[in-house]
Amino acid sequence: MALQLELRMLSLIETYGLGGSSGPWIHGRPVRAQATPRVSPVDHGRHSSPNMARFRLFPPDDAEQRLRFRRYLVAAATSLMFVFLMTLCYMEGALSAGPFLTASLATLAAIGAFYVVFRTGWNRRARDRSLTIPMMISATCAVTFALYYVGPARPVFLLMYPVVLFFGVFRLTTRSLLGVSALALAGYALVIWLLVSSPAGLVRPHLEALQWLVLATVLVWFSFMGGYVNHLHSRLKESEYDDLTGIYTRRRILEVLQHEKIRCDRGAGPLSICMLDIDRFKHVNDSFGHAAGDEVLRKSADVSQKELRAIDFMGRVGGEEFLLVLTQTGIEGARECAERVRRQTESAGFTLSGAQRQMTVSIGVAQYRPGESTREMLQRADAALYRAKAGGRNRIECE
């Protein structure tokens, strides 16, 4: 039960952009982007929209990039909240017009600049393609600038520092979070020193020093707890994805299949699966070595992934066996998808011992029948796969 709860939490984290598959905590195991949605007889027009054809707010070419863009939107919304708070301070007379305009325009300019960076794909050149630390540093500088001018409202704006730090919880290690915390504390210390040195001075400087100490305690605690949460998050992610191919593990893809079966029982539309097996894979390992076999597995997974929609799933269920879970897809749509995978695999070039060689796959297809278990559905797909193998390989059989 605890594992199921953790997996559901991870799904929510990824959906709302707090997690992700790229960043400083996970290298060499990217979640491969899903391809452009396909249109099958059972879902014709389901992915099309006249309005979206004119302008797409999210990057259309890369699922990972769309996830990073959603995280940017979360940061942009938080920055707009900061501008709203400054507006309230300005209306109450706690913030003068000059600093208010400067901080607001700088924040809006940062939102626009990061939008351009993400929308054009320039962020792909960075090590952390989500640009978590640059966005956090930008927000920290804006908060620090406002702290100098907001006067009595300063304790309220201090709460923005933990908000900024929270943005990096699922992305940054303890060391990185401590670095951002040190920047915030140094900025607030500078604000205190400038206020004490100003002609007006501070009425109660010891109170500001106490607030700095409390802030330091909170941010340091937050950094260690955030780093621990990030560690748990990365461990959970690693347990879901196959080390070699980057697709779902057997345990995870079977959980996805069970979940989609329940959705199908509730009227979410047809559900089909494809059991895919690489033909003569043992010969590759025996003749060219396991390194060549690993490369064949990776490329086969890539080829198959490119033929899936964003709502489909793929996992490795055995040595050279893969399971495709095709949601809202009937048997004919599944057959069509399987045929594309078979054809693309056959035409793809596999480099073995320096020479280009052809690899093929056999695929068994089955559509979910109401009332049957996932085990029974898998057995039918496996039986169809066996018939494809017995019938000469490089073919598709449906159950």
Protein backbone atom coordinates (compact mmCIF):
# COMPACT_ATOMS: atom_id res chain seq x y z
CA MET A 1 0.00 0.00 0.00
CA ALA A 2 2.85 2.39 0.85
CA LEU A 3 4.51 1.75 -2.50
CA GLN A 4 1.25 2.33 -4.36
CA LEU A 5 0.81 5.65 -2.52
CA GLU A 6 4.35 6.71 -3.40
CA LEU A 7 3.76 5.90 -7.06
CA ARG A 8 0.55 7.91 -7.10
CA MET A 9 2.40 10.86 -5.48
CA LEU A 10 5.12 10.58 -8.11
CA SER A 11 2.51 10.66 -10.87
CA LEU A 12 1.02 13.84 -9.44
CA ILE A 13 4.46 15.39 -9.05
CA GLU A 14 5.28 14.76 -12.68
CA THR A 15 1.87 15.89 -13.91
CA TYR A 16 2.15 19.32 -12.29
CA GLY A 17 5.73 19.80 -13.26
CA LEU A 18 7.46 19.51 -9.88
CA GLY A 19 9.37 16.43 -10.88
CA GLY A 20 10.80 15.48 -14.19
CA SER A 21 13.22 13.26 -15.93
CA SER A 22 16.15 15.55 -16.51
CA GLY A 23 18.28 17.51 -14.17
CA PRO A 24 21.31 17.20 -11.90
CA TRP A 25 19.93 14.22 -9.99
CA ILE A 26 19.42 11.80 -12.86
CA HIS A 27 21.81 11.51 -15.79
CA GLY A 28 22.05 8.85 -18.44
CA ARG A 29 18.49 7.67 -17.88
CA PRO A 30 16.20 10.13 -19.65
CA VAL A 31 12.55 9.33 -20.10
CA ARG A 32 12.28 9.15 -23.81
CA ALA A 33 9.87 11.53 -25.43
CA GLN A 34 6.66 10.16 -26.80
CA ALA A 35 6.06 10.72 -30.48
CA THR A 36 3.46 12.83 -32.18
CA PRO A 37 -0.03 11.38 -31.58
CA ARG A 38 -1.18 8.92 -34.17
CA VAL A 39 -4.70 8.72 -35.50
CA SER A 40 -6.29 5.31 -35.62
CA PRO A 41 -9.77 4.23 -36.70
CA VAL A 42 -10.99 4.20 -33.11
CA ASP A 43 -9.67 7.58 -32.07
CA HIS A 44 -9.96 9.64 -35.25
CA GLY A 45 -9.85 13.36 -34.50
CA ARG A 46 -9.39 12.82 -30.80
CA HIS A 47 -6.10 14.73 -30.72
CA SER A 48 -6.97 17.51 -33.17
CA SER A 49 -8.08 21.00 -32.21
CA PRO A 50 -8.58 24.00 -34.50
CA ASN A 51 -7.50 26.44 -31.80
CA MET A 52 -4.32 24.55 -30.94
CA ALA A 53 -3.35 24.49 -34.61
CA ARG A 54 -2.92 28.28 -34.57
CA PHE A 55 -0.73 28.57 -31.49
CA ARG A 56 0.67 26.09 -29.02
CA LEU A 57 1.58 27.37 -25.60
CA PHE A 58 3.59 24.23 -24.88
CA PRO A 59 6.51 23.10 -27.06
CA PRO A 60 4.95 20.57 -29.47
CA ASP A 61 7.99 18.51 -30.38
CA ASP A 62 9.26 17.00 -27.15
CA ALA A 63 7.41 15.55 -24.15
CA GLU A 64 10.32 16.33 -21.82
CA GLN A 65 10.45 19.91 -23.06
CA ARG A 66 6.72 20.27 -22.44
CA LEU A 67 7.28 19.05 -18.88
CA ARG A 68 10.01 21.63 -18.35
CA PHE A 69 7.74 24.29 -19.80
CA ARG A 70 5.01 23.39 -17.30
CA ARG A 71 7.52 23.83 -14.50
CA TYR A 72 8.36 27.23 -15.95
CA LEU A 73 4.66 28.13 -15.87
CA VAL A 74 4.57 27.24 -12.15
CA ALA A 75 7.54 29.55 -11.57
CA ALA A 76 5.93 32.29 -13.66
CA ALA A 77 2.69 32.06 -11.66
CA THR A 78 4.67 32.34 -8.43
CA SER A 79 6.47 35.42 -9.77
CA LEU A 80 3.15 37.02 -10.68
CA MET A 81 2.00 36.38 -7.12
CA PHE A 82 5.09 38.26 -5.94
CA VAL A 83 4.17 41.20 -8.21
CA PHE A 84 0.64 41.12 -6.77
CA LEU A 85 2.01 41.34 -3.21
CA MET A 86 4.16 44.31 -4.19
CA THR A 87 1.10 45.93 -5.72
CA LEU A 88 -0.73 45.62 -2.42
CA CYS A 89 2.24 47.17 -0.60
CA TYR A 90 2.28 50.02 -3.10
CA MET A 91 -1.45 50.64 -2.65
CA GLU A 92 -1.00 50.70 1.13
CA GLY A 93 1.90 53.12 0.89
CA ALA A 94 4.51 50.65 2.16
CA LEU A 95 6.35 50.71 -1.20
CA SER A 96 7.10 53.81 -3.24
CA ALA A 97 6.44 54.06 -6.97
CA GLY A 98 10.07 53.87 -8.15
CA PRO A 99 11.07 50.61 -6.43
CA PHE A 100 7.66 49.13 -7.19
CA LEU A 101 8.01 49.75 -10.92
CA THR A 102 11.62 48.60 -10.97
CA ALA A 103 10.92 45.32 -9.18
CA SER A 104 7.71 44.64 -11.12
CA LEU A 105 9.19 45.34 -14.54
CA ALA A 106 12.31 43.31 -13.73
CA THR A 107 10.16 40.36 -12.65
CA LEU A 108 7.98 40.56 -15.75
CA ALA A 109 11.09 40.86 -17.93
CA ALA A 110 12.54 37.73 -16.30
CA ILE A 111 9.28 35.86 -16.97
CA GLY A 112 9.44 36.90 -20.62
CA ALA A 113 13.13 36.04 -20.96
CA PHE A 114 12.70 32.55 -19.54
CA TYR A 115 9.67 32.04 -21.79
CA VAL A 116 11.80 32.79 -24.85
CA VAL A 117 14.57 30.48 -23.62
CA PHE A 118 12.17 27.56 -23.11
CA ARG A 119 10.03 28.19 -26.18
CA THR A 120 13.04 28.37 -28.50
CA GLY A 121 14.76 25.38 -26.91
CA TRP A 122 17.90 27.27 -25.83
CA ASN A 123 17.57 25.63 -22.41
CA ARG A 124 18.66 22.34 -23.99
CA ARG A 125 22.23 23.63 -23.99
CA ALA A 126 22.33 23.77 -20.18
CA ARG A 127 23.24 20.85 -17.94
CA ASP A 128 19.98 21.26 -16.03
CA ARG A 129 17.60 21.86 -18.89
CA SER A 130 14.86 22.92 -16.49
CA LEU A 131 17.01 25.94 -15.49
CA THR A 132 15.95 25.45 -11.88
CA ILE A 133 18.86 27.30 -10.26
CA PRO A 134 18.83 30.30 -12.67
CA MET A 135 15.11 30.80 -12.04
CA MET A 136 15.60 30.48 -8.28
CA ILE A 137 18.49 32.97 -8.30
CA SER A 138 16.42 35.42 -10.35
CA ALA A 139 13.53 35.17 -7.88
CA THR A 140 15.87 35.50 -4.88
CA CYS A 141 17.39 38.69 -6.26
CA ALA A 142 13.94 40.18 -6.86
CA VAL A 143 12.81 39.38 -3.30
CA THR A 144 16.02 40.80 -1.84
CA PHE A 145 15.58 44.04 -3.79
CA ALA A 146 12.01 44.41 -2.53
CA LEU A 147 13.06 43.76 1.07
CA TYR A 148 15.10 46.95 1.15
CA TYR A 149 12.12 49.13 0.27
CA VAL A 150 9.02 47.53 1.82
CA GLY A 151 9.67 48.80 5.35
CA PRO A 152 7.14 47.41 7.87
CA ALA A 153 6.04 44.73 5.39
CA ARG A 154 9.53 43.19 5.41
CA PRO A 155 8.59 40.17 7.60
CA VAL A 156 5.85 39.27 5.11
CA PHE A 157 8.24 39.27 2.16
CA LEU A 158 10.71 37.10 4.05
CA LEU A 159 8.22 34.27 3.54
CA MET A 160 8.98 34.41 -0.18
CA TYR A 161 12.43 32.90 0.41
CA PRO A 162 11.07 29.48 1.51
CA VAL A 163 8.64 29.61 -1.42
CA VAL A 164 11.57 30.07 -3.80
CA LEU A 165 13.47 27.24 -2.11
CA PHE A 166 10.48 24.91 -2.38
CA PHE A 167 10.62 25.23 -6.16
CA GLY A 168 13.88 23.28 -6.15
CA VAL A 169 12.94 20.52 -3.73
CA PHE A 170 12.31 17.85 -6.37
CA ARG A 171 15.20 18.96 -8.57
CA LEU A 172 18.18 19.95 -6.43
CA THR A 173 20.47 18.21 -3.99
CA THR A 174 21.07 19.39 -0.44
CA ARG A 175 24.27 21.15 -1.52
CA SER A 176 22.51 23.10 -4.28
CA LEU A 177 19.66 24.09 -1.96
CA LEU A 178 22.18 25.24 0.65
CA GLY A 179 23.85 27.35 -2.02
CA VAL A 180 20.60 29.13 -2.87
CA SER A 181 19.88 29.54 0.84
CA ALA A 182 23.31 31.12 1.36
CA LEU A 183 22.56 33.59 -1.44
CA ALA A 184 19.25 34.54 0.17
CA LEU A 185 20.81 34.94 3.62
CA ALA A 186 23.67 37.01 2.22
CA GLY A 187 21.18 39.23 0.42
CA TYR A 188 19.09 39.79 3.52
CA ALA A 189 22.24 40.51 5.56
CA LEU A 190 23.21 43.11 2.95
CA VAL A 191 19.76 44.68 3.23
CA ILE A 192 20.11 44.91 7.03
CA TRP A 193 23.57 46.48 6.74
CA LEU A 194 22.39 49.04 4.16
CA LEU A 195 19.40 49.98 6.32
CA VAL A 196 21.55 50.35 9.44
CA SER A 197 24.03 52.49 7.49
CA SER A 198 21.34 54.72 5.97
CA PRO A 199 20.61 58.15 7.46
CA ALA A 200 17.21 56.98 8.71
CA GLY A 201 18.71 53.87 10.28
CA LEU A 202 16.72 51.06 11.85
CA VAL A 203 14.57 51.57 14.91
CA ARG A 204 15.12 48.02 16.18
CA PRO A 205 18.14 46.48 14.42
CA HIS A 206 18.28 43.62 16.91
CA LEU A 207 14.81 42.54 15.71
CA GLU A 208 16.10 42.36 12.13
CA ALA A 209 19.06 40.30 13.33
CA LEU A 210 16.66 37.92 15.08
CA GLN A 211 14.60 37.61 11.90
CA TRP A 212 17.79 36.83 9.96
CA LEU A 213 18.67 34.10 12.46
CA VAL A 214 15.18 32.57 12.26
CA LEU A 215 15.31 32.72 8.45
CA ALA A 216 18.72 31.02 8.45
CA THR A 217 17.37 28.22 10.65
CA VAL A 218 14.33 27.70 8.42
CA LEU A 219 16.27 27.75 5.14
CA VAL A 220 19.00 25.39 6.37
CA TRP A 221 16.38 22.96 7.70
CA PHE A 222 14.47 23.28 4.45
CA SER A 223 17.63 22.57 2.44
CA PHE A 224 18.37 19.33 4.27
CA MET A 225 14.78 18.15 4.17
CA GLY A 226 14.45 19.13 0.51
CA GLY A 227 17.63 17.23 -0.34
CA TYR A 228 16.28 14.17 1.45
CA VAL A 229 12.97 14.38 -0.43
CA ASN A 230 14.89 14.75 -3.69
CA HIS A 231 16.90 11.63 -2.84
CA LEU A 232 13.72 9.64 -2.20
CA HIS A 233 12.19 11.01 -5.37
CA SER A 234 15.17 9.95 -7.48
CA ARG A 235 15.25 6.49 -5.89
CA LEU A 236 11.56 6.05 -6.68
CA LYS A 237 12.13 7.18 -10.26
CA GLU A 238 14.99 4.73 -10.65
CA SER A 239 12.75 1.89 -9.49
CA GLU A 240 10.28 2.68 -12.27
CA TYR A 241 12.58 2.82 -15.28
CA ASP A 242 14.74 0.13 -16.82
CA ASP A 243 18.43 1.00 -16.50
CA LEU A 244 19.30 -0.06 -20.03
CA THR A 245 16.43 1.18 -22.20
CA GLY A 246 14.95 4.00 -20.09
CA ILE A 247 11.40 2.64 -20.46
CA TYR A 248 9.20 1.26 -17.68
CA THR A 249 10.26 -1.78 -15.71
CA ARG A 250 8.15 -4.94 -15.70
CA ARG A 251 6.62 -4.10 -12.32
CA ARG A 252 5.70 -0.57 -13.35
CA ILE A 253 4.25 -1.40 -16.78
CA LEU A 254 2.08 -4.12 -15.22
CA GLU A 255 0.82 -1.58 -12.68
CA VAL A 256 0.02 0.78 -15.56
CA LEU A 257 -1.82 -2.02 -17.37
CA GLN A 258 -3.89 -2.78 -14.27
CA HIS A 259 -4.74 0.89 -13.88
CA GLU A 260 -5.77 1.22 -17.54
CA LYS A 261 -7.89 -1.94 -17.24
CA ILE A 262 -9.81 -0.33 -14.38
CA ARG A 263 -10.28 2.83 -16.45
CA CYS A 264 -11.52 0.73 -19.36
CA ASP A 265 -14.04 -1.01 -17.09
CA ARG A 266 -15.32 2.44 -16.13
CA GLY A 267 -15.92 3.45 -19.73
CA ALA A 268 -12.64 5.10 -20.73
CA GLY A 269 -12.63 3.37 -24.12
CA PRO A 270 -11.03 0.23 -25.56
CA LEU A 271 -7.65 -1.02 -24.39
CA SER A 272 -5.15 -3.10 -26.34
CA ILE A 273 -1.67 -4.45 -25.71
CA CYS A 274 1.19 -5.57 -27.92
CA MET A 275 3.72 -8.16 -26.78
CA LEU A 276 6.90 -7.53 -28.77
CA ASP A 277 9.91 -9.83 -29.01
CA ILE A 278 13.20 -9.19 -30.87
CA ASP A 279 13.83 -12.01 -33.33
CA ARG A 280 16.99 -14.10 -32.94
CA PHE A 281 18.25 -11.92 -30.11
CA LYS A 282 20.21 -14.80 -28.56
CA HIS A 283 22.19 -15.06 -31.79
CA VAL A 284 23.18 -11.39 -31.43
CA ASN A 285 24.48 -11.94 -27.91
CA ASP A 286 26.30 -15.14 -28.83
CA SER A 287 27.85 -13.80 -32.03
CA PHE A 288 28.55 -10.15 -31.26
CA GLY A 289 28.65 -9.94 -27.47
CA HIS A 290 26.39 -8.51 -24.80
CA ALA A 291 27.40 -4.91 -25.54
CA ALA A 292 25.97 -5.30 -29.05
CA GLY A 293 22.86 -6.92 -27.56
CA ASP A 294 22.42 -3.97 -25.21
CA GLU A 295 22.64 -1.58 -28.14
CA VAL A 296 20.00 -3.57 -30.04
CA LEU A 297 17.70 -3.39 -27.00
CA ARG A 298 18.16 0.36 -26.67
CA LYS A 299 17.57 1.08 -30.33
CA SER A 300 14.59 -1.26 -30.54
CA ALA A 301 12.99 0.56 -27.62
CA ASP A 302 13.67 3.92 -29.31
CA VAL A 303 12.13 2.78 -32.59
CA SER A 304 9.01 1.51 -30.85
CA GLN A 305 8.66 4.63 -28.70
CA LYS A 306 8.55 6.85 -31.77
CA GLU A 307 5.39 5.07 -32.95
CA LEU A 308 3.48 5.67 -29.70
CA ARG A 309 1.24 8.50 -28.64
CA ALA A 310 1.66 10.49 -25.44
CA ILE A 311 -1.13 8.45 -23.83
CA ASP A 312 0.49 5.09 -24.61
CA PHE A 313 3.02 3.24 -22.45
CA MET A 314 5.93 0.89 -23.00
CA GLY A 315 7.84 -1.36 -20.63
CA ARG A 316 10.44 -4.08 -20.71
CA VAL A 317 8.94 -7.30 -19.37
CA GLY A 318 11.76 -9.72 -20.16
CA GLY A 319 15.23 -9.95 -21.64
CA GLU A 320 14.21 -8.99 -25.18
CA GLU A 321 10.45 -8.69 -24.67
CA PHE A 322 8.55 -5.41 -24.50
CA LEU A 323 4.95 -4.64 -23.65
CA LEU A 324 3.04 -1.82 -25.32
CA VAL A 325 -0.09 -0.59 -23.55
CA LEU A 326 -2.29 1.26 -26.05
CA THR A 327 -5.07 3.19 -24.37
CA GLN A 328 -8.32 4.11 -26.13
CA THR A 329 -7.33 1.79 -28.97
CA GLY A 330 -9.20 -1.17 -30.43
CA ILE A 331 -7.72 -4.24 -32.06
CA GLU A 332 -7.45 -2.66 -35.54
CA GLY A 333 -5.69 0.42 -34.20
CA ALA A 334 -3.34 -1.79 -32.21
CA ARG A 335 -2.61 -3.90 -35.29
CA GLU A 336 -1.84 -0.72 -37.22
CA CYS A 337 0.53 0.47 -34.49
CA ALA A 338 2.23 -2.92 -34.32
CA GLU A 339 2.70 -2.97 -38.07
CA ARG A 340 4.40 0.43 -37.98
CA VAL A 341 6.70 -0.76 -35.20
CA ARG A 342 7.53 -3.95 -37.15
CA ARG A 343 8.13 -2.05 -40.36
CA GLN A 344 10.28 0.66 -38.75
CA THR A 345 12.36 -1.91 -36.87
CA GLU A 346 12.96 -3.86 -40.07
CA SER A 347 14.09 -0.74 -41.93
CA ALA A 348 16.24 0.60 -39.09
CA GLY A 349 19.97 -0.04 -39.35
CA PHE A 350 21.65 -1.80 -36.42
CA THR A 351 25.42 -1.51 -36.25
CA LEU A 352 26.94 -4.82 -35.12
CA SER A 353 30.72 -5.31 -35.23
CA GLY A 354 31.07 -2.26 -37.44
CA ALA A 355 28.58 -3.43 -40.06
CA GLN A 356 24.97 -2.48 -40.65
CA ARG A 357 22.63 -5.40 -40.00
CA GLN A 358 18.88 -5.86 -40.07
CA MET A 359 16.84 -6.79 -37.01
CA THR A 360 13.18 -7.77 -36.92
CA VAL A 361 10.50 -8.20 -34.28
CA SER A 362 7.50 -10.46 -33.82
CA ILE A 363 4.41 -9.01 -32.15
CA GLY A 364 1.35 -10.48 -30.50
CA VAL A 365 -1.69 -8.20 -30.18
CA ALA A 366 -4.71 -8.56 -27.90
CA GLN A 367 -7.63 -6.30 -26.99
CA TYR A 368 -9.01 -6.30 -23.47
CA ARG A 369 -12.22 -8.23 -23.05
CA PRO A 370 -14.53 -6.96 -20.30
CA GLY A 371 -14.36 -9.12 -17.22
CA GLU A 372 -11.03 -10.79 -17.90
CA SER A 373 -7.95 -10.23 -15.74
CA THR A 374 -4.77 -8.57 -16.93
CA ARG A 375 -3.08 -11.96 -16.58
CA GLU A 376 -5.53 -13.51 -19.03
CA MET A 377 -5.07 -10.63 -21.47
CA LEU A 378 -1.28 -11.01 -21.25
CA GLN A 379 -1.59 -14.76 -21.83
CA ARG A 380 -3.60 -14.15 -25.01
CA ALA A 381 -1.05 -11.63 -26.28
CA ASP A 382 1.76 -14.04 -25.45
CA ALA A 383 -0.01 -16.83 -27.30
CA ALA A 384 -0.35 -14.57 -30.34
CA LEU A 385 3.36 -13.74 -30.07
CA TYR A 386 4.18 -17.46 -30.01
CA ARG A 387 2.17 -17.97 -33.20
CA ALA A 388 4.04 -15.09 -34.84
CA LYS A 389 7.34 -16.71 -33.91
CA ALA A 390 6.21 -20.13 -35.11
CA GLY A 391 4.89 -18.65 -38.34
CA GLY A 392 8.27 -17.42 -39.49
CA ARG A 393 9.02 -14.35 -37.31
CA ASN A 394 8.92 -10.69 -38.40
CA ARG A 395 5.13 -10.79 -38.38
CA ILE A 396 2.06 -9.83 -36.32
CA GLU A 397 -0.62 -12.08 -34.92
CA CYS A 398 -3.79 -10.92 -33.16
CA GLU A 399 -5.71 -12.80 -30.51
